[in-house]
Amino acid sequence: MTGNLINQTRWFWAWQDDREEAWLAEMSHQGLHLQEPASFGRYLFLQGSPREYAYRMDFNKDKAPDDYIQLIRDAGWEYLGKRAGWSYWRKAIEAGKVPDLFSDVESKIQKYQRLLASYSASVPGVAAMYIVSLAAFKQFPGRHPLWFVILYISIVMGWILFAALNAVMIGLRISTLRKKNAL
């Protein structure tokens, strides 16, 4: 593929990976092929001729081991990189058959469980930092401008709400997949 590099920005929630995959496939259908996931919410595309690709994502907060990457490459997938724990994969759609990275529903559930554990792990640390900071603000009154205290509390509470929303929505996604698996 040769062409211009194009940056695109688009927001997806963590539980919307299927929407992100569909959007990436649509971009390839339009001739914009993902080269690498850039910083959060940014994508670097290479402009070329339209192609039919399936994009898939897997979540693993730790560095992807070489044997894991090689196993998926051996199945014909192209590794595009990693961002915020998400590994991005691409494979050409042949004869109208859309490939899937996961062979069963249980593997998808495990992906979301890893994602849920990642969000859940951050909440206790942020909550502890919040409590310690409030104690410091109370211990040393007047040393911090009121606007700073309000801003700090707002940011921490925002993060806690963000993580809680993600945890609830990911939990619902797991529940839906379990019901689908039970059928």
Protein backbone atom coordinates (compact mmCIF):
# COMPACT_ATOMS: atom_id res chain seq x y z
CA MET A 1 0.00 0.00 0.00
CA THR A 2 1.31 3.40 -0.90
CA GLY A 3 -0.33 6.74 -0.31
CA ASN A 4 -0.71 9.59 2.09
CA LEU A 5 -0.76 9.14 5.84
CA ILE A 6 -3.93 10.51 7.38
CA ASN A 7 -4.69 11.10 11.07
CA GLN A 8 -8.24 10.54 12.30
CA THR A 9 -9.61 11.09 15.78
CA ARG A 10 -12.60 9.19 17.10
CA TRP A 11 -13.79 8.29 20.59
CA PHE A 12 -14.96 4.83 21.59
CA TRP A 13 -15.76 3.55 25.05
CA ALA A 14 -13.88 0.44 26.16
CA TRP A 15 -16.98 -1.76 25.86
CA GLN A 16 -17.59 -0.57 22.28
CA ASP A 17 -14.72 -2.48 20.67
CA ASP A 18 -17.14 -4.06 18.18
CA ARG A 19 -18.15 -0.57 17.00
CA GLU A 20 -14.50 0.43 16.72
CA GLU A 21 -13.76 -2.71 14.68
CA ALA A 22 -16.72 -1.97 12.36
CA TRP A 23 -15.57 1.64 11.92
CA LEU A 24 -12.03 0.52 11.04
CA ALA A 25 -13.45 -1.94 8.48
CA GLU A 26 -15.56 0.84 6.97
CA MET A 27 -12.49 3.09 6.76
CA SER A 28 -10.66 0.33 4.80
CA HIS A 29 -13.71 0.00 2.56
CA GLN A 30 -13.22 3.72 1.82
CA GLY A 31 -9.49 3.24 1.11
CA LEU A 32 -8.09 4.28 4.50
CA HIS A 33 -6.17 1.40 6.07
CA LEU A 34 -5.09 1.49 9.70
CA GLN A 35 -1.31 1.56 10.01
CA GLU A 36 -1.10 1.97 13.75
CA PRO A 37 -3.28 2.97 16.64
CA ALA A 38 -1.74 6.26 17.77
CA SER A 39 -2.41 7.97 21.09
CA PHE A 40 -5.79 7.45 22.73
CA GLY A 41 -8.56 8.22 20.26
CA ARG A 42 -6.17 8.83 17.34
CA TYR A 43 -5.59 6.56 14.39
CA LEU A 44 -2.98 6.71 11.64
CA PHE A 45 -4.29 5.55 8.26
CA LEU A 46 -2.57 4.97 4.94
CA GLN A 47 -4.60 6.05 1.95
CA GLY A 48 -4.86 3.44 -0.78
CA SER A 49 -7.36 1.53 -2.84
CA PRO A 50 -10.48 0.25 -1.05
CA ARG A 51 -10.10 -3.20 0.52
CA GLU A 52 -12.29 -5.47 2.55
CA TYR A 53 -10.59 -6.08 5.88
CA ALA A 54 -11.83 -7.42 9.20
CA TYR A 55 -10.31 -5.66 12.20
CA ARG A 56 -10.25 -7.27 15.61
CA MET A 57 -9.04 -6.16 19.01
CA ASP A 58 -7.89 -8.09 22.04
CA PHE A 59 -7.24 -6.65 25.50
CA ASN A 60 -4.25 -7.56 27.62
CA LYS A 61 -2.78 -4.86 29.84
CA ASP A 62 0.58 -6.62 29.98
CA LYS A 63 2.95 -6.62 27.04
CA ALA A 64 1.80 -9.09 24.42
CA PRO A 65 4.18 -12.08 24.49
CA ASP A 66 5.92 -12.96 21.25
CA ASP A 67 4.36 -16.45 21.15
CA TYR A 68 0.85 -14.93 21.42
CA ILE A 69 1.56 -12.55 18.54
CA GLN A 70 3.11 -15.34 16.46
CA LEU A 71 0.17 -17.69 17.10
CA ILE A 72 -2.30 -15.12 15.75
CA ARG A 73 0.01 -14.21 12.85
CA ASP A 74 0.16 -17.91 11.94
CA ALA A 75 -3.65 -17.80 11.62
CA GLY A 76 -3.24 -15.11 8.95
CA TRP A 77 -3.77 -11.97 11.02
CA GLU A 78 -1.59 -8.88 10.64
CA TYR A 79 -0.49 -7.29 13.93
CA LEU A 80 -0.97 -3.50 13.77
CA GLY A 81 0.23 -2.55 17.23
CA LYS A 82 -0.93 -1.96 20.76
CA ARG A 83 -2.52 1.01 22.50
CA ALA A 84 -3.74 1.28 26.10
CA GLY A 85 -3.73 -2.51 26.50
CA TRP A 86 -5.58 -3.16 23.23
CA SER A 87 -3.88 -5.19 20.48
CA TYR A 88 -5.09 -4.36 16.97
CA TRP A 89 -5.29 -7.04 14.25
CA ARG A 90 -6.32 -7.05 10.59
CA LYS A 91 -7.15 -9.81 8.12
CA ALA A 92 -8.48 -9.67 4.57
CA ILE A 93 -12.05 -10.80 4.05
CA GLU A 94 -12.04 -13.57 1.45
CA ALA A 95 -15.08 -14.94 -0.39
CA GLY A 96 -17.34 -12.80 1.80
CA LYS A 97 -16.36 -14.73 4.91
CA VAL A 98 -15.57 -12.38 7.81
CA PRO A 99 -12.92 -13.94 10.07
CA ASP A 100 -13.03 -13.73 13.84
CA LEU A 101 -10.09 -13.56 16.19
CA PHE A 102 -11.85 -15.59 18.88
CA SER A 103 -12.98 -19.12 18.21
CA ASP A 104 -15.65 -19.16 20.93
CA VAL A 105 -17.77 -16.95 23.16
CA GLU A 106 -15.82 -17.94 26.28
CA SER A 107 -12.65 -16.38 24.81
CA LYS A 108 -14.54 -13.10 24.28
CA ILE A 109 -15.79 -13.25 27.87
CA GLN A 110 -12.20 -13.69 29.08
CA LYS A 111 -11.16 -10.61 27.08
CA TYR A 112 -13.81 -8.51 28.84
CA GLN A 113 -12.89 -10.00 32.22
CA ARG A 114 -9.28 -8.83 31.68
CA LEU A 115 -10.60 -5.39 30.75
CA LEU A 116 -12.88 -5.30 33.81
CA ALA A 117 -10.00 -6.31 36.09
CA SER A 118 -7.92 -3.46 34.65
CA TYR A 119 -10.56 -0.85 35.47
CA SER A 120 -11.37 -2.38 38.84
CA ALA A 121 -7.70 -2.37 39.86
CA SER A 122 -7.44 1.41 39.45
CA VAL A 123 -10.41 2.34 41.67
CA PRO A 124 -8.95 1.45 45.12
CA GLY A 125 -5.73 3.39 44.44
CA VAL A 126 -7.57 6.47 43.22
CA ALA A 127 -10.00 6.28 46.16
CA ALA A 128 -7.11 5.98 48.64
CA MET A 129 -5.36 8.95 47.03
CA TYR A 130 -8.61 10.91 47.30
CA ILE A 131 -8.99 10.16 51.02
CA VAL A 132 -5.35 11.02 51.79
CA SER A 133 -5.65 14.29 49.87
CA LEU A 134 -8.82 15.27 51.71
CA ALA A 135 -7.05 14.58 55.01
CA ALA A 136 -4.15 16.79 53.89
CA PHE A 137 -6.52 19.57 52.86
CA LYS A 138 -8.19 19.37 56.27
CA GLN A 139 -4.87 19.15 58.17
CA PHE A 140 -3.48 22.25 56.44
CA PRO A 141 -6.48 24.52 55.89
CA GLY A 142 -5.90 27.68 53.93
CA ARG A 143 -2.69 26.46 52.29
CA HIS A 144 -4.46 25.49 49.11
CA PRO A 145 -6.69 27.86 47.16
CA LEU A 146 -10.33 26.82 47.16
CA TRP A 147 -10.37 26.55 43.36
CA PHE A 148 -7.52 24.02 43.54
CA VAL A 149 -9.30 21.88 46.13
CA ILE A 150 -12.52 21.91 44.09
CA LEU A 151 -10.68 21.12 40.85
CA TYR A 152 -8.74 18.27 42.47
CA ILE A 153 -11.85 16.73 44.02
CA SER A 154 -13.71 17.06 40.72
CA ILE A 155 -10.95 15.34 38.75
CA VAL A 156 -10.69 12.44 41.19
CA MET A 157 -14.46 12.01 41.40
CA GLY A 158 -14.63 12.18 37.59
CA TRP A 159 -12.10 9.36 37.32
CA ILE A 160 -13.97 7.23 39.84
CA LEU A 161 -17.25 7.77 37.94
CA PHE A 162 -15.50 7.04 34.62
CA ALA A 163 -14.07 3.76 35.94
CA ALA A 164 -17.40 2.80 37.54
CA LEU A 165 -19.33 3.46 34.31
CA ASN A 166 -16.86 1.37 32.35
CA ALA A 167 -17.03 -1.43 34.93
CA VAL A 168 -20.84 -1.52 34.79
CA MET A 169 -20.99 -1.50 30.99
CA ILE A 170 -18.27 -4.14 30.66
CA GLY A 171 -20.10 -6.26 33.25
CA LEU A 172 -23.27 -5.96 31.15
CA ARG A 173 -21.30 -7.01 28.06
CA ILE A 174 -20.02 -10.10 29.91
CA SER A 175 -23.54 -10.91 31.07
CA THR A 176 -24.90 -10.64 27.52
CA LEU A 177 -22.16 -12.93 26.20
CA ARG A 178 -22.83 -15.49 28.96
CA LYS A 179 -26.51 -15.54 28.06
CA LYS A 180 -25.58 -15.98 24.40
CA ASN A 181 -23.22 -18.80 25.33
CA ALA A 182 -25.93 -20.55 27.36
CA LEU A 183 -28.29 -20.75 24.37
